[in-house]
Amino acid sequence: MKFTLVVMRGPGNGRCQERAQRFAQAVVTQGCQLERVFFYGDGTRAAAPDNAETAESWAAIATEQDTDLVLCSASAEYHGALSPPAPFVLMGLGALMEAGFDSERIISFD
């Protein structure tokens, strides 16, 4: 089964990031595939320079699982994450729509 995650809260704003990362790891443990993690709204702060630890955790997950880490471009601009570190990429909401076609489940974390 293929999953896409949507992360809508930034680091330091509850436990959303931690829960999403644990879920991402559990997806692979269960023999499923994590297609994409889409960061929307405040969630784009996961790739901001002041959240290096969170960005590194996501980068490790992406490398281990061959997963796309996508920041909503409009949200990233608003939250100051326009120069994301690799493997994060900037894309529009169309990337989330595409993930909906490619994945069997979309799980959101808020």
PDB file of N, CA and C in Angstrom:
ATOM      1  N   MET A   1       0.844  -1.170   0.000  1.00  0.00           N
ATOM      2  CA  MET A   1       0.000   0.000   0.000  1.00  0.00           C
ATOM      3  C   MET A   1       0.897   1.244   0.000  1.00  0.00           C
ATOM      4  N   LYS A   2       0.507   2.241  -0.764  1.00  0.00           N
ATOM      5  CA  LYS A   2       1.270   3.483  -0.869  1.00  0.00           C
ATOM      6  C   LYS A   2       0.593   4.587  -0.061  1.00  0.00           C
ATOM      7  N   PHE A   3       1.399   5.314   0.721  1.00  0.00           N
ATOM      8  CA  PHE A   3       0.909   6.379   1.582  1.00  0.00           C
ATOM      9  C   PHE A   3       1.522   7.716   1.203  1.00  0.00           C
ATOM     10  N   THR A   4       0.762   8.779   1.422  1.00  0.00           N
ATOM     11  CA  THR A   4       1.256  10.150   1.406  1.00  0.00           C
ATOM     12  C   THR A   4       0.851  10.772   2.730  1.00  0.00           C
ATOM     13  N   LEU A   5       1.768  11.526   3.319  1.00  0.00           N
ATOM     14  CA  LEU A   5       1.484  12.235   4.566  1.00  0.00           C
ATOM     15  C   LEU A   5       1.409  13.723   4.286  1.00  0.00           C
ATOM     16  N   VAL A   6       0.500  14.404   4.967  1.00  0.00           N
ATOM     17  CA  VAL A   6       0.395  15.855   4.909  1.00  0.00           C
ATOM     18  C   VAL A   6       0.640  16.370   6.324  1.00  0.00           C
ATOM     19  N   VAL A   7       1.685  17.174   6.476  1.00  0.00           N
ATOM     20  CA  VAL A   7       2.074  17.698   7.790  1.00  0.00           C
ATOM     21  C   VAL A   7       1.742  19.184   7.815  1.00  0.00           C
ATOM     22  N   MET A   8       0.857  19.584   8.758  1.00  0.00           N
ATOM     23  CA  MET A   8       0.351  20.952   8.767  1.00  0.00           C
ATOM     24  C   MET A   8       0.784  21.793   9.957  1.00  0.00           C
ATOM     25  N   ARG A   9       1.543  21.217  10.876  1.00  0.00           N
ATOM     26  CA  ARG A   9       2.030  21.996  12.026  1.00  0.00           C
ATOM     27  C   ARG A   9       3.543  21.950  12.066  1.00  0.00           C
ATOM     28  N   GLY A  10       4.107  23.060  12.479  1.00  0.00           N
ATOM     29  CA  GLY A  10       5.554  23.172  12.530  1.00  0.00           C
ATOM     30  C   GLY A  10       6.138  22.600  13.807  1.00  0.00           C
ATOM     31  N   PRO A  11       7.456  22.440  13.823  1.00  0.00           N
ATOM     32  CA  PRO A  11       8.151  21.996  15.030  1.00  0.00           C
ATOM     33  C   PRO A  11       7.912  22.991  16.165  1.00  0.00           C
ATOM     34  N   GLY A  12       7.812  22.487  17.365  1.00  0.00           N
ATOM     35  CA  GLY A  12       7.583  23.354  18.511  1.00  0.00           C
ATOM     36  C   GLY A  12       6.130  23.763  18.682  1.00  0.00           C
ATOM     37  N   ASN A  13       5.266  23.259  17.850  1.00  0.00           N
ATOM     38  CA  ASN A  13       3.850  23.595  17.900  1.00  0.00           C
ATOM     39  C   ASN A  13       3.056  22.303  18.090  1.00  0.00           C
ATOM     40  N   GLY A  14       3.244  21.687  19.236  1.00  0.00           N
ATOM     41  CA  GLY A  14       2.612  20.394  19.497  1.00  0.00           C
ATOM     42  C   GLY A  14       3.518  19.260  19.058  1.00  0.00           C
ATOM     43  N   ARG A  15       2.965  18.082  18.952  1.00  0.00           N
ATOM     44  CA  ARG A  15       3.750  16.889  18.625  1.00  0.00           C
ATOM     45  C   ARG A  15       3.486  16.373  17.214  1.00  0.00           C
ATOM     46  N   CYS A  16       2.939  17.196  16.372  1.00  0.00           N
ATOM     47  CA  CYS A  16       2.574  16.799  15.017  1.00  0.00           C
ATOM     48  C   CYS A  16       3.759  16.218  14.249  1.00  0.00           C
ATOM     49  N   GLN A  17       4.887  16.901  14.262  1.00  0.00           N
ATOM     50  CA  GLN A  17       6.058  16.446  13.518  1.00  0.00           C
ATOM     51  C   GLN A  17       6.526  15.081  14.022  1.00  0.00           C
ATOM     52  N   GLU A  18       6.582  14.913  15.332  1.00  0.00           N
ATOM     53  CA  GLU A  18       7.018  13.632  15.912  1.00  0.00           C
ATOM     54  C   GLU A  18       6.063  12.499  15.541  1.00  0.00           C
ATOM     55  N   ARG A  19       4.765  12.757  15.641  1.00  0.00           N
ATOM     56  CA  ARG A  19       3.780  11.721  15.296  1.00  0.00           C
ATOM     57  C   ARG A  19       3.882  11.336  13.827  1.00  0.00           C
ATOM     58  N   ALA A  20       4.056  12.333  12.969  1.00  0.00           N
ATOM     59  CA  ALA A  20       4.167  12.058  11.537  1.00  0.00           C
ATOM     60  C   ALA A  20       5.422  11.244  11.238  1.00  0.00           C
ATOM     61  N   GLN A  21       6.526  11.558  11.897  1.00  0.00           N
ATOM     62  CA  GLN A  21       7.764  10.802  11.677  1.00  0.00           C
ATOM     63  C   GLN A  21       7.633   9.364  12.163  1.00  0.00           C
ATOM     64  N   ARG A  22       7.003   9.174  13.312  1.00  0.00           N
ATOM     65  CA  ARG A  22       6.792   7.801  13.804  1.00  0.00           C
ATOM     66  C   ARG A  22       5.889   7.020  12.858  1.00  0.00           C
ATOM     67  N   PHE A  23       4.846   7.669  12.345  1.00  0.00           N
ATOM     68  CA  PHE A  23       3.959   7.008  11.396  1.00  0.00           C
ATOM     69  C   PHE A  23       4.719   6.645  10.122  1.00  0.00           C
ATOM     70  N   ALA A  24       5.555   7.549   9.638  1.00  0.00           N
ATOM     71  CA  ALA A  24       6.345   7.296   8.432  1.00  0.00           C
ATOM     72  C   ALA A  24       7.224   6.067   8.609  1.00  0.00           C
ATOM     73  N   GLN A  25       7.826   5.926   9.768  1.00  0.00           N
ATOM     74  CA  GLN A  25       8.670   4.763  10.036  1.00  0.00           C
ATOM     75  C   GLN A  25       7.834   3.492  10.135  1.00  0.00           C
ATOM     76  N   ALA A  26       6.645   3.598  10.706  1.00  0.00           N
ATOM     77  CA  ALA A  26       5.774   2.437  10.844  1.00  0.00           C
ATOM     78  C   ALA A  26       5.255   1.960   9.478  1.00  0.00           C
ATOM     79  N   VAL A  27       5.066   2.873   8.554  1.00  0.00           N
ATOM     80  CA  VAL A  27       4.599   2.510   7.211  1.00  0.00           C
ATOM     81  C   VAL A  27       5.544   1.488   6.599  1.00  0.00           C
ATOM     82  N   VAL A  28       6.823   1.769   6.657  1.00  0.00           N
ATOM     83  CA  VAL A  28       7.807   0.874   6.056  1.00  0.00           C
ATOM     84  C   VAL A  28       7.943  -0.410   6.858  1.00  0.00           C
ATOM     85  N   THR A  29       7.852  -0.316   8.177  1.00  0.00           N
ATOM     86  CA  THR A  29       7.923  -1.504   9.027  1.00  0.00           C
ATOM     87  C   THR A  29       6.823  -2.491   8.660  1.00  0.00           C
ATOM     88  N   GLN A  30       5.675  -1.973   8.256  1.00  0.00           N
ATOM     89  CA  GLN A  30       4.539  -2.817   7.885  1.00  0.00           C
ATOM     90  C   GLN A  30       4.597  -3.289   6.434  1.00  0.00           C
ATOM     91  N   GLY A  31       5.685  -2.960   5.733  1.00  0.00           N
ATOM     92  CA  GLY A  31       5.838  -3.418   4.361  1.00  0.00           C
ATOM     93  C   GLY A  31       5.154  -2.545   3.324  1.00  0.00           C
ATOM     94  N   CYS A  32       4.777  -1.347   3.711  1.00  0.00           N
ATOM     95  CA  CYS A  32       4.131  -0.421   2.785  1.00  0.00           C
ATOM     96  C   CYS A  32       5.153   0.592   2.272  1.00  0.00           C
ATOM     97  N   GLN A  33       4.713   1.478   1.397  1.00  0.00           N
ATOM     98  CA  GLN A  33       5.603   2.455   0.793  1.00  0.00           C
ATOM     99  C   GLN A  33       5.122   3.865   1.112  1.00  0.00           C
ATOM    100  N   LEU A  34       6.057   4.730   1.494  1.00  0.00           N
ATOM    101  CA  LEU A  34       5.762   6.137   1.734  1.00  0.00           C
ATOM    102  C   LEU A  34       6.175   6.909   0.485  1.00  0.00           C
ATOM    103  N   GLU A  35       5.189   7.329  -0.297  1.00  0.00           N
ATOM    104  CA  GLU A  35       5.436   8.011  -1.566  1.00  0.00           C
ATOM    105  C   GLU A  35       5.945   9.433  -1.369  1.00  0.00           C
ATOM    106  N   ARG A  36       5.246  10.192  -0.522  1.00  0.00           N
ATOM    107  CA  ARG A  36       5.535  11.617  -0.405  1.00  0.00           C
ATOM    108  C   ARG A  36       5.101  12.119   0.959  1.00  0.00           C
ATOM    109  N   VAL A  37       5.858  13.095   1.474  1.00  0.00           N
ATOM    110  CA  VAL A  37       5.436  13.854   2.645  1.00  0.00           C
ATOM    111  C   VAL A  37       5.274  15.286   2.161  1.00  0.00           C
ATOM    112  N   PHE A  38       4.067  15.820   2.289  1.00  0.00           N
ATOM    113  CA  PHE A  38       3.753  17.170   1.833  1.00  0.00           C
ATOM    114  C   PHE A  38       3.595  18.061   3.052  1.00  0.00           C
ATOM    115  N   PHE A  39       4.407  19.103   3.142  1.00  0.00           N
ATOM    116  CA  PHE A  39       4.377  20.038   4.260  1.00  0.00           C
ATOM    117  C   PHE A  39       3.591  21.267   3.828  1.00  0.00           C
ATOM    118  N   TYR A  40       2.543  21.562   4.579  1.00  0.00           N
ATOM    119  CA  TYR A  40       1.621  22.638   4.225  1.00  0.00           C
ATOM    120  C   TYR A  40       1.480  23.594   5.404  1.00  0.00           C
ATOM    121  N   GLY A  41       1.244  24.861   5.121  1.00  0.00           N
ATOM    122  CA  GLY A  41       1.047  25.849   6.181  1.00  0.00           C
ATOM    123  C   GLY A  41       2.261  25.923   7.088  1.00  0.00           C
ATOM    124  N   ASP A  42       2.008  25.950   8.380  1.00  0.00           N
ATOM    125  CA  ASP A  42       3.066  26.033   9.390  1.00  0.00           C
ATOM    126  C   ASP A  42       4.013  24.829   9.317  1.00  0.00           C
ATOM    127  N   GLY A  43       3.558  23.741   8.743  1.00  0.00           N
ATOM    128  CA  GLY A  43       4.388  22.538   8.621  1.00  0.00           C
ATOM    129  C   GLY A  43       5.643  22.753   7.801  1.00  0.00           C
ATOM    130  N   THR A  44       5.629  23.760   6.916  1.00  0.00           N
ATOM    131  CA  THR A  44       6.815  24.030   6.096  1.00  0.00           C
ATOM    132  C   THR A  44       7.996  24.492   6.935  1.00  0.00           C
ATOM    133  N   ARG A  45       7.747  24.935   8.159  1.00  0.00           N
ATOM    134  CA  ARG A  45       8.850  25.344   9.034  1.00  0.00           C
ATOM    135  C   ARG A  45       9.756  24.178   9.410  1.00  0.00           C
ATOM    136  N   ALA A  46       9.370  22.957   9.092  1.00  0.00           N
ATOM    137  CA  ALA A  46      10.234  21.792   9.329  1.00  0.00           C
ATOM    138  C   ALA A  46      11.540  21.921   8.563  1.00  0.00           C
ATOM    139  N   ALA A  47      11.537  22.681   7.465  1.00  0.00           N
ATOM    140  CA  ALA A  47      12.739  22.857   6.647  1.00  0.00           C
ATOM    141  C   ALA A  47      13.393  24.222   6.850  1.00  0.00           C
ATOM    142  N   ALA A  48      12.899  25.007   7.789  1.00  0.00           N
ATOM    143  CA  ALA A  48      13.469  26.330   8.052  1.00  0.00           C
ATOM    144  C   ALA A  48      14.833  26.185   8.741  1.00  0.00           C
ATOM    145  N   PRO A  49      15.716  27.157   8.529  1.00  0.00           N
ATOM    146  CA  PRO A  49      17.067  27.077   9.103  1.00  0.00           C
ATOM    147  C   PRO A  49      17.097  26.910  10.633  1.00  0.00           C
ATOM    148  N   ASP A  50      16.120  27.457  11.328  1.00  0.00           N
ATOM    149  CA  ASP A  50      16.123  27.348  12.791  1.00  0.00           C
ATOM    150  C   ASP A  50      15.575  26.012  13.295  1.00  0.00           C
ATOM    151  N   ASN A  51      15.240  25.090  12.412  1.00  0.00           N
ATOM    152  CA  ASN A  51      14.741  23.765  12.783  1.00  0.00           C
ATOM    153  C   ASN A  51      15.588  22.661  12.158  1.00  0.00           C
ATOM    154  N   ALA A  52      16.893  22.818  12.262  1.00  0.00           N
ATOM    155  CA  ALA A  52      17.827  21.883  11.613  1.00  0.00           C
ATOM    156  C   ALA A  52      17.640  20.442  12.088  1.00  0.00           C
ATOM    157  N   GLU A  53      17.365  20.247  13.361  1.00  0.00           N
ATOM    158  CA  GLU A  53      17.205  18.881  13.890  1.00  0.00           C
ATOM    159  C   GLU A  53      16.002  18.176  13.257  1.00  0.00           C
ATOM    160  N   THR A  54      14.893  18.892  13.134  1.00  0.00           N
ATOM    161  CA  THR A  54      13.702  18.313  12.508  1.00  0.00           C
ATOM    162  C   THR A  54      13.962  18.023  11.034  1.00  0.00           C
ATOM    163  N   ALA A  55      14.612  18.958  10.349  1.00  0.00           N
ATOM    164  CA  ALA A  55      14.923  18.761   8.928  1.00  0.00           C
ATOM    165  C   ALA A  55      15.823  17.547   8.733  1.00  0.00           C
ATOM    166  N   GLU A  56      16.795  17.362   9.609  1.00  0.00           N
ATOM    167  CA  GLU A  56      17.691  16.201   9.509  1.00  0.00           C
ATOM    168  C   GLU A  56      16.936  14.896   9.727  1.00  0.00           C
ATOM    169  N   SER A  57      15.996  14.897  10.662  1.00  0.00           N
ATOM    170  CA  SER A  57      15.190  13.692  10.909  1.00  0.00           C
ATOM    171  C   SER A  57      14.373  13.326   9.679  1.00  0.00           C
ATOM    172  N   TRP A  58      13.743  14.328   9.058  1.00  0.00           N
ATOM    173  CA  TRP A  58      12.974  14.070   7.845  1.00  0.00           C
ATOM    174  C   TRP A  58      13.878  13.625   6.704  1.00  0.00           C
ATOM    175  N   ALA A  59      15.046  14.237   6.604  1.00  0.00           N
ATOM    176  CA  ALA A  59      15.987  13.862   5.536  1.00  0.00           C
ATOM    177  C   ALA A  59      16.408  12.403   5.680  1.00  0.00           C
ATOM    178  N   ALA A  60      16.621  11.951   6.902  1.00  0.00           N
ATOM    179  CA  ALA A  60      16.990  10.551   7.136  1.00  0.00           C
ATOM    180  C   ALA A  60      15.860   9.619   6.700  1.00  0.00           C
ATOM    181  N   ILE A  61      14.636   9.984   7.028  1.00  0.00           N
ATOM    182  CA  ILE A  61      13.478   9.173   6.620  1.00  0.00           C
ATOM    183  C   ILE A  61      13.386   9.126   5.100  1.00  0.00           C
ATOM    184  N   ALA A  62      13.562  10.275   4.455  1.00  0.00           N
ATOM    185  CA  ALA A  62      13.468  10.334   2.997  1.00  0.00           C
ATOM    186  C   ALA A  62      14.543   9.480   2.340  1.00  0.00           C
ATOM    187  N   THR A  63      15.742   9.505   2.881  1.00  0.00           N
ATOM    188  CA  THR A  63      16.839   8.727   2.318  1.00  0.00           C
ATOM    189  C   THR A  63      16.601   7.229   2.497  1.00  0.00           C
ATOM    190  N   GLU A  64      16.187   6.840   3.692  1.00  0.00           N
ATOM    191  CA  GLU A  64      15.951   5.418   3.990  1.00  0.00           C
ATOM    192  C   GLU A  64      14.807   4.846   3.165  1.00  0.00           C
ATOM    193  N   GLN A  65      13.788   5.664   2.911  1.00  0.00           N
ATOM    194  CA  GLN A  65      12.562   5.155   2.305  1.00  0.00           C
ATOM    195  C   GLN A  65      12.355   5.632   0.865  1.00  0.00           C
ATOM    196  N   ASP A  66      13.309   6.374   0.311  1.00  0.00           N
ATOM    197  CA  ASP A  66      13.193   6.911  -1.045  1.00  0.00           C
ATOM    198  C   ASP A  66      11.877   7.678  -1.210  1.00  0.00           C
ATOM    199  N   THR A  67      11.690   8.651  -0.324  1.00  0.00           N
ATOM    200  CA  THR A  67      10.447   9.418  -0.235  1.00  0.00           C
ATOM    201  C   THR A  67      10.685  10.866  -0.635  1.00  0.00           C
ATOM    202  N   ASP A  68       9.720  11.461  -1.324  1.00  0.00           N
ATOM    203  CA  ASP A  68       9.769  12.882  -1.654  1.00  0.00           C
ATOM    204  C   ASP A  68       9.342  13.707  -0.441  1.00  0.00           C
ATOM    205  N   LEU A  69      10.105  14.748  -0.133  1.00  0.00           N
ATOM    206  CA  LEU A  69       9.736  15.717   0.897  1.00  0.00           C
ATOM    207  C   LEU A  69       9.413  17.019   0.181  1.00  0.00           C
ATOM    208  N   VAL A  70       8.132  17.386   0.162  1.00  0.00           N
ATOM    209  CA  VAL A  70       7.672  18.521  -0.634  1.00  0.00           C
ATOM    210  C   VAL A  70       7.111  19.609   0.279  1.00  0.00           C
ATOM    211  N   LEU A  71       7.622  20.834   0.085  1.00  0.00           N
ATOM    212  CA  LEU A  71       7.089  21.996   0.790  1.00  0.00           C
ATOM    213  C   LEU A  71       6.144  22.741  -0.132  1.00  0.00           C
ATOM    214  N   CYS A  72       4.975  23.093   0.355  1.00  0.00           N
ATOM    215  CA  CYS A  72       4.057  23.932  -0.409  1.00  0.00           C
ATOM    216  C   CYS A  72       4.763  25.264  -0.646  1.00  0.00           C
ATOM    217  N   SER A  73       4.909  25.662  -1.881  1.00  0.00           N
ATOM    218  CA  SER A  73       5.690  26.854  -2.205  1.00  0.00           C
ATOM    219  C   SER A  73       5.095  28.128  -1.595  1.00  0.00           C
ATOM    220  N   ALA A  74       3.789  28.282  -1.631  1.00  0.00           N
ATOM    221  CA  ALA A  74       3.161  29.479  -1.066  1.00  0.00           C
ATOM    222  C   ALA A  74       3.338  29.517   0.453  1.00  0.00           C
ATOM    223  N   SER A  75       3.163  28.387   1.107  1.00  0.00           N
ATOM    224  CA  SER A  75       3.338  28.329   2.562  1.00  0.00           C
ATOM    225  C   SER A  75       4.794  28.543   2.952  1.00  0.00           C
ATOM    226  N   ALA A  76       5.711  27.987   2.165  1.00  0.00           N
ATOM    227  CA  ALA A  76       7.136  28.153   2.448  1.00  0.00           C
ATOM    228  C   ALA A  76       7.536  29.616   2.346  1.00  0.00           C
ATOM    229  N   GLU A  77       6.985  30.309   1.365  1.00  0.00           N
ATOM    230  CA  GLU A  77       7.283  31.737   1.232  1.00  0.00           C
ATOM    231  C   GLU A  77       6.785  32.498   2.454  1.00  0.00           C
ATOM    232  N   TYR A  78       5.592  32.202   2.895  1.00  0.00           N
ATOM    233  CA  TYR A  78       4.999  32.871   4.049  1.00  0.00           C
ATOM    234  C   TYR A  78       5.784  32.602   5.330  1.00  0.00           C
ATOM    235  N   HIS A  79       6.281  31.375   5.490  1.00  0.00           N
ATOM    236  CA  HIS A  79       6.970  30.978   6.723  1.00  0.00           C
ATOM    237  C   HIS A  79       8.491  31.056   6.621  1.00  0.00           C
ATOM    238  N   GLY A  80       9.011  31.607   5.574  1.00  0.00           N
ATOM    239  CA  GLY A  80      10.443  31.845   5.463  1.00  0.00           C
ATOM    240  C   GLY A  80      11.279  30.607   5.213  1.00  0.00           C
ATOM    241  N   ALA A  81      10.765  29.666   4.460  1.00  0.00           N
ATOM    242  CA  ALA A  81      11.511  28.432   4.157  1.00  0.00           C
ATOM    243  C   ALA A  81      11.732  28.317   2.651  1.00  0.00           C
ATOM    244  N   LEU A  82      12.143  29.417   2.023  1.00  0.00           N
ATOM    245  CA  LEU A  82      12.290  29.419   0.568  1.00  0.00           C
ATOM    246  C   LEU A  82      13.581  28.800   0.063  1.00  0.00           C
ATOM    247  N   SER A  83      14.514  28.539   0.943  1.00  0.00           N
ATOM    248  CA  SER A  83      15.772  27.883   0.549  1.00  0.00           C
ATOM    249  C   SER A  83      15.920  26.594   1.348  1.00  0.00           C
ATOM    250  N   PRO A  84      15.069  25.612   1.078  1.00  0.00           N
ATOM    251  CA  PRO A  84      15.091  24.396   1.898  1.00  0.00           C
ATOM    252  C   PRO A  84      16.345  23.561   1.638  1.00  0.00           C
ATOM    253  N   PRO A  85      16.808  22.873   2.678  1.00  0.00           N
ATOM    254  CA  PRO A  85      17.947  21.971   2.488  1.00  0.00           C
ATOM    255  C   PRO A  85      17.497  20.722   1.728  1.00  0.00           C
ATOM    256  N   ALA A  86      18.447  20.092   1.056  1.00  0.00           N
ATOM    257  CA  ALA A  86      18.140  18.817   0.385  1.00  0.00           C
ATOM    258  C   ALA A  86      17.795  17.800   1.458  1.00  0.00           C
ATOM    259  N   PRO A  87      16.880  16.932   1.229  1.00  0.00           N
ATOM    260  CA  PRO A  87      16.146  16.583   0.018  1.00  0.00           C
ATOM    261  C   PRO A  87      14.788  17.274  -0.118  1.00  0.00           C
ATOM    262  N   PHE A  88      14.513  18.325   0.678  1.00  0.00           N
ATOM    263  CA  PHE A  88      13.248  19.051   0.547  1.00  0.00           C
ATOM    264  C   PHE A  88      13.204  19.775  -0.796  1.00  0.00           C
ATOM    265  N   VAL A  89      12.018  19.828  -1.395  1.00  0.00           N
ATOM    266  CA  VAL A  89      11.821  20.576  -2.635  1.00  0.00           C
ATOM    267  C   VAL A  89      10.568  21.437  -2.503  1.00  0.00           C
ATOM    268  N   LEU A  90      10.542  22.526  -3.239  1.00  0.00           N
ATOM    269  CA  LEU A  90       9.378  23.409  -3.275  1.00  0.00           C
ATOM    270  C   LEU A  90       8.502  23.030  -4.459  1.00  0.00           C
ATOM    271  N   MET A  91       7.199  22.882  -4.203  1.00  0.00           N
ATOM    272  CA  MET A  91       6.232  22.600  -5.271  1.00  0.00           C
ATOM    273  C   MET A  91       4.899  23.203  -4.855  1.00  0.00           C
ATOM    274  N   GLY A  92       4.002  23.296  -5.785  1.00  0.00           N
ATOM    275  CA  GLY A  92       2.676  23.830  -5.502  1.00  0.00           C
ATOM    276  C   GLY A  92       1.712  22.755  -5.019  1.00  0.00           C
ATOM    277  N   LEU A  93       0.476  23.167  -4.824  1.00  0.00           N
ATOM    278  CA  LEU A  93      -0.553  22.228  -4.372  1.00  0.00           C
ATOM    279  C   LEU A  93      -0.829  21.125  -5.379  1.00  0.00           C
ATOM    280  N   GLY A  94      -0.424  21.332  -6.613  1.00  0.00           N
ATOM    281  CA  GLY A  94      -0.574  20.284  -7.618  1.00  0.00           C
ATOM    282  C   GLY A  94       0.186  19.025  -7.236  1.00  0.00           C
ATOM    283  N   ALA A  95       1.283  19.177  -6.499  1.00  0.00           N
ATOM    284  CA  ALA A  95       2.057  18.020  -6.040  1.00  0.00           C
ATOM    285  C   ALA A  95       1.249  17.183  -5.049  1.00  0.00           C
ATOM    286  N   LEU A  96       0.412  17.853  -4.267  1.00  0.00           N
ATOM    287  CA  LEU A  96      -0.460  17.119  -3.350  1.00  0.00           C
ATOM    288  C   LEU A  96      -1.557  16.404  -4.128  1.00  0.00           C
ATOM    289  N   MET A  97      -2.098  17.060  -5.125  1.00  0.00           N
ATOM    290  CA  MET A  97      -3.118  16.419  -5.971  1.00  0.00           C
ATOM    291  C   MET A  97      -2.529  15.191  -6.670  1.00  0.00           C
ATOM    292  N   GLU A  98      -1.323  15.336  -7.202  1.00  0.00           N
ATOM    293  CA  GLU A  98      -0.656  14.221  -7.867  1.00  0.00           C
ATOM    294  C   GLU A  98      -0.452  13.057  -6.896  1.00  0.00           C
ATOM    295  N   ALA A  99      -0.065  13.382  -5.671  1.00  0.00           N
ATOM    296  CA  ALA A  99       0.133  12.337  -4.664  1.00  0.00           C
ATOM    297  C   ALA A  99      -1.171  11.594  -4.386  1.00  0.00           C
ATOM    298  N   GLY A 100      -2.298  12.307  -4.478  1.00  0.00           N
ATOM    299  CA  GLY A 100      -3.588  11.676  -4.280  1.00  0.00           C
ATOM    300  C   GLY A 100      -3.885  10.617  -5.327  1.00  0.00           C
ATOM    301  N   PHE A 101      -3.382  10.820  -6.532  1.00  0.00           N
ATOM    302  CA  PHE A 101      -3.563   9.832  -7.603  1.00  0.00           C
ATOM    303  C   PHE A 101      -2.589   8.672  -7.467  1.00  0.00           C
ATOM    304  N   ASP A 102      -1.376   8.962  -6.969  1.00  0.00           N
ATOM    305  CA  ASP A 102      -0.328   7.945  -6.878  1.00  0.00           C
ATOM    306  C   ASP A 102      -0.409   7.090  -5.617  1.00  0.00           C
ATOM    307  N   SER A 103      -1.070   7.597  -4.581  1.00  0.00           N
ATOM    308  CA  SER A 103      -1.127   6.896  -3.293  1.00  0.00           C
ATOM    309  C   SER A 103      -2.509   6.303  -3.061  1.00  0.00           C
ATOM    310  N   GLU A 104      -2.530   5.290  -2.227  1.00  0.00           N
ATOM    311  CA  GLU A 104      -3.812   4.687  -1.871  1.00  0.00           C
ATOM    312  C   GLU A 104      -4.403   5.311  -0.612  1.00  0.00           C
ATOM    313  N   ARG A 105      -3.547   5.933   0.198  1.00  0.00           N
ATOM    314  CA  ARG A 105      -3.992   6.601   1.435  1.00  0.00           C
ATOM    315  C   ARG A 105      -3.252   7.912   1.601  1.00  0.00           C
ATOM    316  N   ILE A 106      -3.979   8.950   2.003  1.00  0.00           N
ATOM    317  CA  ILE A 106      -3.378  10.230   2.394  1.00  0.00           C
ATOM    318  C   ILE A 106      -3.758  10.459   3.840  1.00  0.00           C
ATOM    319  N   ILE A 107      -2.748  10.600   4.665  1.00  0.00           N
ATOM    320  CA  ILE A 107      -2.958  10.798   6.111  1.00  0.00           C
ATOM    321  C   ILE A 107      -2.458  12.195   6.465  1.00  0.00           C
ATOM    322  N   SER A 108      -3.290  12.987   7.153  1.00  0.00           N
ATOM    323  CA  SER A 108      -2.868  14.331   7.539  1.00  0.00           C
ATOM    324  C   SER A 108      -2.585  14.398   9.028  1.00  0.00           C
ATOM    325  N   PHE A 109      -1.614  15.234   9.365  1.00  0.00           N
ATOM    326  CA  PHE A 109      -1.208  15.442  10.757  1.00  0.00           C
ATOM    327  C   PHE A 109      -1.323  16.932  11.048  1.00  0.00           C
ATOM    328  N   ASP A 110      -2.161  17.248  12.041  1.00  0.00           N
ATOM    329  CA  ASP A 110      -2.387  18.649  12.402  1.00  0.00           C
ATOM    330  C   ASP A 110      -2.299  18.816  13.895  1.00  0.00           C
TER     331      ASP A 110
END
